[in-house]
Amino acid sequence: MTGRVLTAAALVVAISTVTLQSQQTIGELDLLLERLSQYLLAYESQLTTVVASERYEQTQVQPMGRSRSMTTTSRRLESQVAFLRLPNEAIWYGVRDVQRVDGIQVDEGVKTPLLEEIVRHVDEDALMEAAKIIAKSAQYNLGGSRTVNMPTTPLAVLHPDNHVRFVFKVRGKAKIEGRQTTRLDFEEFDEPTLVEGSEGITVFLVGSAWIEPESGVLWRAELTLRPKPDKPDPRISRALENRLRVDYTELPALKMMVPKEMWEVFWVPGGRGDGHARYSNFRQVATGAPQ
């Protein structure tokens, strides 16, 4: 009898401990998401006033004709970038204005306004001009024209308006630049998905974010595209190698966080591509009206 009583008591303690740990995990997750949301909403008005220089190295490896030989192509893009976002919208307009390709100045047949002017006066006309720049510059990417390879993409994905689309889990701690962060994993489950796949293919976002728990500051984010879990599509088994990682850093001169580096892995027919971008020469533009 005594043994049974002790076993039952131990079971109650074990259940209580698991319940307490579960409650603590849920509480930690809710608090982390709340602080991340507050940080991102406040961060919008800061980053949308910034213009920077980008040096973007891209490489792709793919078959050469019908032979089994592989060919490697490299490209270096030198650009000016701006990070625009309209008030009350969860959409970021990462604007890349390519200035040089492999050291050669790009064709200036189509004149584009200075990014500083677009940032200074963000209105409908400015966004139309920005869209022209985005479309023109996207054509210089190896692996085909695309616009998701911008350091603002994780900010759009993690915007608080999109939290209902994801399942979040706390997954441990890590130090980044000497700061203690909490890793937050997330997986998209709702349709229509945030990223529209080509040829009508449904792709879901999964990723991780490294967040400073006290302040909600985002230090790193990784994104990956995957097929619908219950109906994998063989047409995109290789395309799902598409990944994006962005590291952010504190810039004392502007007293704010800025993109530091970006890495991407992208799919090309029969092969794959890699990209690595570095950011520098950040300058803040005085805007005509509050964001």
Protein backbone atom coordinates (compact mmCIF):
# COMPACT_ATOMS: atom_id res chain seq x y z
CA MET A 1 0.00 0.00 0.00
CA THR A 2 2.77 2.43 0.89
CA GLY A 3 4.49 1.77 -2.41
CA ARG A 4 1.28 2.50 -4.32
CA VAL A 5 0.75 5.74 -2.42
CA LEU A 6 4.28 6.92 -3.13
CA THR A 7 3.95 6.01 -6.81
CA ALA A 8 0.68 7.90 -7.11
CA ALA A 9 2.18 10.90 -5.33
CA ALA A 10 5.18 10.84 -7.64
CA LEU A 11 2.84 10.72 -10.64
CA VAL A 12 0.91 13.76 -9.40
CA VAL A 13 4.18 15.68 -8.95
CA ALA A 14 5.33 14.68 -12.43
CA ILE A 15 2.04 15.79 -14.01
CA SER A 16 2.12 19.06 -12.09
CA THR A 17 5.71 19.70 -13.20
CA VAL A 18 4.89 19.07 -16.87
CA THR A 19 1.83 21.32 -16.63
CA LEU A 20 3.88 24.09 -15.02
CA GLN A 21 6.59 23.81 -17.66
CA SER A 22 3.95 23.92 -20.41
CA GLN A 23 2.38 27.04 -18.90
CA GLN A 24 5.80 28.69 -18.62
CA THR A 25 6.56 27.87 -22.27
CA ILE A 26 3.24 29.31 -23.42
CA GLY A 27 3.82 32.41 -21.31
CA GLU A 28 7.32 32.84 -22.74
CA LEU A 29 6.03 32.47 -26.29
CA ASP A 30 3.22 35.00 -25.83
CA LEU A 31 5.58 37.52 -24.24
CA LEU A 32 8.19 37.04 -26.96
CA LEU A 33 5.65 37.56 -29.75
CA GLU A 34 4.25 40.64 -28.03
CA ARG A 35 7.69 42.21 -27.67
CA LEU A 36 8.63 41.30 -31.25
CA SER A 37 5.40 42.93 -32.47
CA GLN A 38 6.06 46.11 -30.53
CA TYR A 39 9.61 46.25 -31.83
CA LEU A 40 8.66 45.73 -35.48
CA LEU A 41 5.90 48.34 -35.37
CA ALA A 42 8.29 50.90 -33.89
CA TYR A 43 11.09 49.86 -36.27
CA GLU A 44 9.06 50.71 -39.37
CA SER A 45 9.39 54.47 -38.93
CA GLN A 46 13.15 54.10 -38.44
CA LEU A 47 14.16 51.85 -41.32
CA THR A 48 11.92 53.58 -43.87
CA THR A 49 14.12 56.69 -43.59
CA VAL A 50 17.34 54.83 -44.47
CA VAL A 51 19.22 54.36 -47.74
CA ALA A 52 22.29 52.10 -47.98
CA SER A 53 24.84 50.61 -50.37
CA GLU A 54 24.71 46.92 -51.22
CA ARG A 55 27.39 44.64 -52.65
CA TYR A 56 25.75 41.42 -53.80
CA GLU A 57 27.75 38.39 -54.98
CA GLN A 58 25.75 35.70 -56.82
CA THR A 59 26.87 32.33 -58.20
CA GLN A 60 24.93 29.62 -60.01
CA VAL A 61 25.95 26.10 -61.09
CA GLN A 62 23.93 24.28 -63.74
CA PRO A 63 24.33 21.80 -66.64
CA MET A 64 26.01 23.02 -69.82
CA GLY A 65 23.73 22.14 -72.72
CA ARG A 66 22.96 18.43 -73.02
CA SER A 67 26.28 17.32 -71.55
CA ARG A 68 26.82 16.24 -67.98
CA SER A 69 29.37 18.99 -67.48
CA MET A 70 28.43 21.74 -65.04
CA THR A 71 29.10 25.38 -65.68
CA THR A 72 29.54 28.07 -63.01
CA THR A 73 28.42 31.66 -63.52
CA SER A 74 29.19 34.50 -61.14
CA ARG A 75 27.88 38.03 -60.94
CA ARG A 76 28.50 41.03 -58.72
CA LEU A 77 25.79 43.65 -58.27
CA GLU A 78 26.53 47.04 -56.75
CA SER A 79 23.35 48.83 -55.80
CA GLN A 80 21.67 51.46 -53.70
CA VAL A 81 18.83 50.09 -51.58
CA ALA A 82 15.93 51.64 -49.69
CA PHE A 83 13.34 50.07 -47.39
CA LEU A 84 9.85 51.48 -47.88
CA ARG A 85 6.61 50.67 -46.16
CA LEU A 86 3.23 52.37 -46.35
CA PRO A 87 1.47 53.21 -43.08
CA ASN A 88 -1.17 50.68 -41.98
CA GLU A 89 0.05 48.04 -44.46
CA ALA A 90 2.02 44.86 -43.75
CA ILE A 91 3.89 45.20 -47.04
CA TRP A 92 7.52 46.22 -47.33
CA TYR A 93 8.89 47.58 -50.59
CA GLY A 94 12.55 46.62 -50.67
CA VAL A 95 13.93 48.79 -53.47
CA ARG A 96 17.20 47.71 -55.11
CA ASP A 97 18.56 50.18 -57.68
CA VAL A 98 21.40 48.33 -59.45
CA GLN A 99 24.18 50.73 -60.40
CA ARG A 100 26.91 48.36 -61.65
CA VAL A 101 27.08 44.75 -62.81
CA ASP A 102 30.54 43.18 -62.54
CA GLY A 103 31.99 46.66 -62.22
CA ILE A 104 30.33 47.99 -65.37
CA GLN A 105 27.77 50.76 -65.04
CA VAL A 106 24.30 49.65 -66.14
CA ASP A 107 22.46 51.13 -69.10
CA GLU A 108 21.06 54.53 -68.20
CA GLY A 109 18.55 54.60 -71.03
CA VAL A 110 15.77 54.61 -68.46
CA LYS A 111 16.39 57.32 -65.90
CA THR A 112 15.33 56.55 -62.35
CA PRO A 113 14.89 59.14 -59.59
CA LEU A 114 17.25 59.15 -56.67
CA LEU A 115 16.18 56.82 -53.92
CA GLU A 116 16.54 59.67 -51.47
CA GLU A 117 13.75 61.51 -53.25
CA ILE A 118 11.47 58.49 -53.13
CA VAL A 119 12.18 57.99 -49.43
CA ARG A 120 11.68 61.68 -48.76
CA HIS A 121 8.20 61.71 -50.31
CA VAL A 122 6.55 58.30 -50.04
CA ASP A 123 3.28 58.64 -51.92
CA GLU A 124 1.49 56.84 -54.74
CA ASP A 125 3.66 58.41 -57.46
CA ALA A 126 6.84 57.57 -55.57
CA LEU A 127 5.76 53.95 -55.17
CA MET A 128 5.07 53.71 -58.91
CA GLU A 129 8.59 54.92 -59.61
CA ALA A 130 9.94 52.50 -57.00
CA ALA A 131 8.08 49.64 -58.71
CA LYS A 132 9.81 50.49 -62.00
CA ILE A 133 13.21 50.41 -60.30
CA ILE A 134 12.42 47.09 -58.60
CA ALA A 135 11.30 45.45 -61.87
CA LYS A 136 14.28 46.78 -63.83
CA SER A 137 16.86 45.77 -61.24
CA ALA A 138 15.35 42.31 -60.60
CA GLN A 139 16.34 41.33 -64.15
CA TYR A 140 20.01 41.42 -63.18
CA ASN A 141 19.62 38.53 -60.72
CA LEU A 142 21.15 35.21 -61.62
CA GLY A 143 18.53 32.46 -61.54
CA GLY A 144 15.80 34.65 -62.99
CA SER A 145 13.91 37.77 -62.02
CA ARG A 146 12.82 37.79 -58.37
CA THR A 147 12.16 40.39 -55.68
CA VAL A 148 12.00 38.40 -52.43
CA ASN A 149 15.79 38.50 -52.00
CA MET A 150 15.71 41.63 -49.87
CA PRO A 151 16.50 42.09 -46.15
CA THR A 152 12.97 43.44 -45.64
CA THR A 153 11.35 40.09 -46.52
CA PRO A 154 11.63 38.65 -42.97
CA LEU A 155 10.18 41.90 -41.59
CA ALA A 156 7.11 41.49 -43.79
CA VAL A 157 6.72 37.81 -42.90
CA LEU A 158 7.02 38.45 -39.16
CA HIS A 159 4.74 41.49 -39.13
CA PRO A 160 2.15 41.11 -36.33
CA ASP A 161 -0.69 41.11 -38.90
CA ASN A 162 0.68 37.80 -40.20
CA HIS A 163 1.08 35.99 -36.86
CA VAL A 164 -2.28 34.25 -37.28
CA ARG A 165 -0.85 32.46 -40.33
CA PHE A 166 1.85 30.66 -38.35
CA VAL A 167 2.39 28.14 -35.60
CA PHE A 168 5.20 29.39 -33.32
CA LYS A 169 7.50 27.43 -31.00
CA VAL A 170 10.31 28.53 -28.70
CA ARG A 171 13.44 26.54 -29.57
CA GLY A 172 16.31 27.47 -27.26
CA LYS A 173 18.86 30.24 -26.81
CA ALA A 174 21.83 31.55 -28.78
CA LYS A 175 24.29 34.45 -28.55
CA ILE A 176 24.59 36.80 -31.52
CA GLU A 177 27.16 39.61 -31.36
CA GLY A 178 27.36 39.04 -27.62
CA ARG A 179 23.59 39.41 -27.11
CA GLN A 180 21.49 36.60 -25.65
CA THR A 181 18.64 35.75 -27.99
CA THR A 182 15.75 33.31 -28.02
CA ARG A 183 15.18 31.24 -31.14
CA LEU A 184 11.58 31.24 -32.35
CA ASP A 185 10.56 28.70 -35.02
CA PHE A 186 7.46 29.29 -37.12
CA GLU A 187 5.53 27.38 -39.78
CA GLU A 188 2.83 28.68 -42.11
CA PHE A 189 -0.43 26.71 -42.29
CA ASP A 190 -3.05 29.05 -43.75
CA GLU A 191 -4.04 29.52 -47.40
CA PRO A 192 -3.69 31.51 -49.55
CA THR A 193 -0.02 31.57 -48.56
CA LEU A 194 2.11 34.69 -48.30
CA VAL A 195 4.38 33.65 -51.18
CA GLU A 196 2.75 32.66 -54.44
CA GLY A 197 4.51 29.76 -56.14
CA SER A 198 5.01 29.61 -59.88
CA GLU A 199 2.68 27.55 -62.09
CA GLY A 200 -0.03 27.58 -59.44
CA ILE A 201 2.06 25.56 -56.99
CA THR A 202 1.27 26.15 -53.31
CA VAL A 203 4.35 26.75 -51.17
CA PHE A 204 4.49 27.38 -47.43
CA LEU A 205 6.98 29.39 -45.41
CA VAL A 206 8.86 27.93 -42.48
CA GLY A 207 11.61 29.69 -40.62
CA SER A 208 13.36 30.82 -37.48
CA ALA A 209 13.87 34.17 -35.80
CA TRP A 210 16.46 35.06 -33.15
CA ILE A 211 14.97 37.67 -30.84
CA GLU A 212 16.36 39.53 -27.85
CA PRO A 213 13.70 38.59 -25.26
CA GLU A 214 13.88 41.76 -23.16
CA SER A 215 13.52 44.22 -26.05
CA GLY A 216 12.00 42.17 -28.90
CA VAL A 217 14.90 43.20 -31.18
CA LEU A 218 15.29 40.92 -34.21
CA TRP A 219 18.93 39.92 -34.76
CA ARG A 220 18.58 37.15 -37.33
CA ALA A 221 15.91 35.51 -39.47
CA GLU A 222 15.87 32.48 -41.76
CA LEU A 223 13.13 31.58 -44.26
CA THR A 224 12.57 28.43 -46.33
CA LEU A 225 9.88 27.55 -48.88
CA ARG A 226 8.25 24.11 -48.64
CA PRO A 227 5.37 22.31 -50.40
CA LYS A 228 2.03 21.69 -48.80
CA PRO A 229 2.78 19.13 -46.05
CA ASP A 230 -0.02 16.68 -46.91
CA LYS A 231 0.33 16.97 -50.69
CA PRO A 232 3.98 17.27 -51.74
CA ASP A 233 4.39 18.30 -55.36
CA PRO A 234 7.27 16.64 -57.25
CA ARG A 235 7.52 19.66 -59.54
CA ILE A 236 9.03 21.73 -56.74
CA SER A 237 11.23 19.19 -54.97
CA ARG A 238 14.31 21.10 -56.12
CA ALA A 239 12.78 24.58 -55.98
CA LEU A 240 12.32 24.12 -52.25
CA GLU A 241 16.01 24.67 -51.81
CA ASN A 242 15.10 28.37 -51.89
CA ARG A 243 16.23 29.85 -48.59
CA LEU A 244 16.94 33.30 -47.23
CA ARG A 245 18.84 34.41 -44.13
CA VAL A 246 19.32 37.99 -42.93
CA ASP A 247 21.52 39.16 -40.08
CA TYR A 248 20.87 42.57 -38.52
CA THR A 249 23.27 44.64 -36.44
CA GLU A 250 23.23 47.71 -34.26
CA LEU A 251 24.50 50.90 -35.94
CA PRO A 252 25.50 53.38 -33.22
CA ALA A 253 25.75 56.29 -35.68
CA LEU A 254 22.01 56.03 -36.42
CA LYS A 255 21.06 54.52 -33.04
CA MET A 256 19.11 51.73 -34.71
CA MET A 257 19.31 48.20 -36.11
CA VAL A 258 20.18 47.83 -39.80
CA PRO A 259 20.68 44.89 -42.19
CA LYS A 260 24.24 43.60 -41.98
CA GLU A 261 24.37 40.62 -44.36
CA MET A 262 22.00 38.50 -46.42
CA TRP A 263 22.45 34.96 -47.74
CA GLU A 264 20.21 33.14 -50.18
CA VAL A 265 20.01 29.75 -51.89
CA PHE A 266 17.93 29.72 -55.05
CA TRP A 267 16.91 27.06 -57.55
CA VAL A 268 18.00 27.04 -61.19
CA PRO A 269 17.10 24.31 -63.75
CA GLY A 270 19.31 21.32 -63.04
CA GLY A 271 21.40 23.11 -60.44
CA ARG A 272 21.44 25.72 -57.69
CA GLY A 273 22.55 29.22 -56.92
CA ASP A 274 23.94 31.09 -53.94
CA GLY A 275 23.95 34.75 -53.04
CA HIS A 276 25.65 36.84 -50.38
CA ALA A 277 25.00 40.55 -49.85
CA ARG A 278 26.74 43.03 -47.54
CA TYR A 279 25.39 46.43 -46.56
CA SER A 280 27.27 49.65 -45.80
CA ASN A 281 27.18 53.44 -46.14
CA PHE A 282 23.89 53.84 -44.30
CA ARG A 283 22.45 57.34 -44.38
CA GLN A 284 19.23 58.71 -42.99
CA VAL A 285 16.97 60.82 -45.18
CA ALA A 286 14.85 63.61 -43.76
CA THR A 287 11.26 62.89 -44.79
CA GLY A 288 8.60 65.42 -45.68
CA ALA A 289 6.00 63.86 -43.40
CA PRO A 290 5.94 61.36 -40.56
CA GLN A 291 5.73 57.69 -41.64
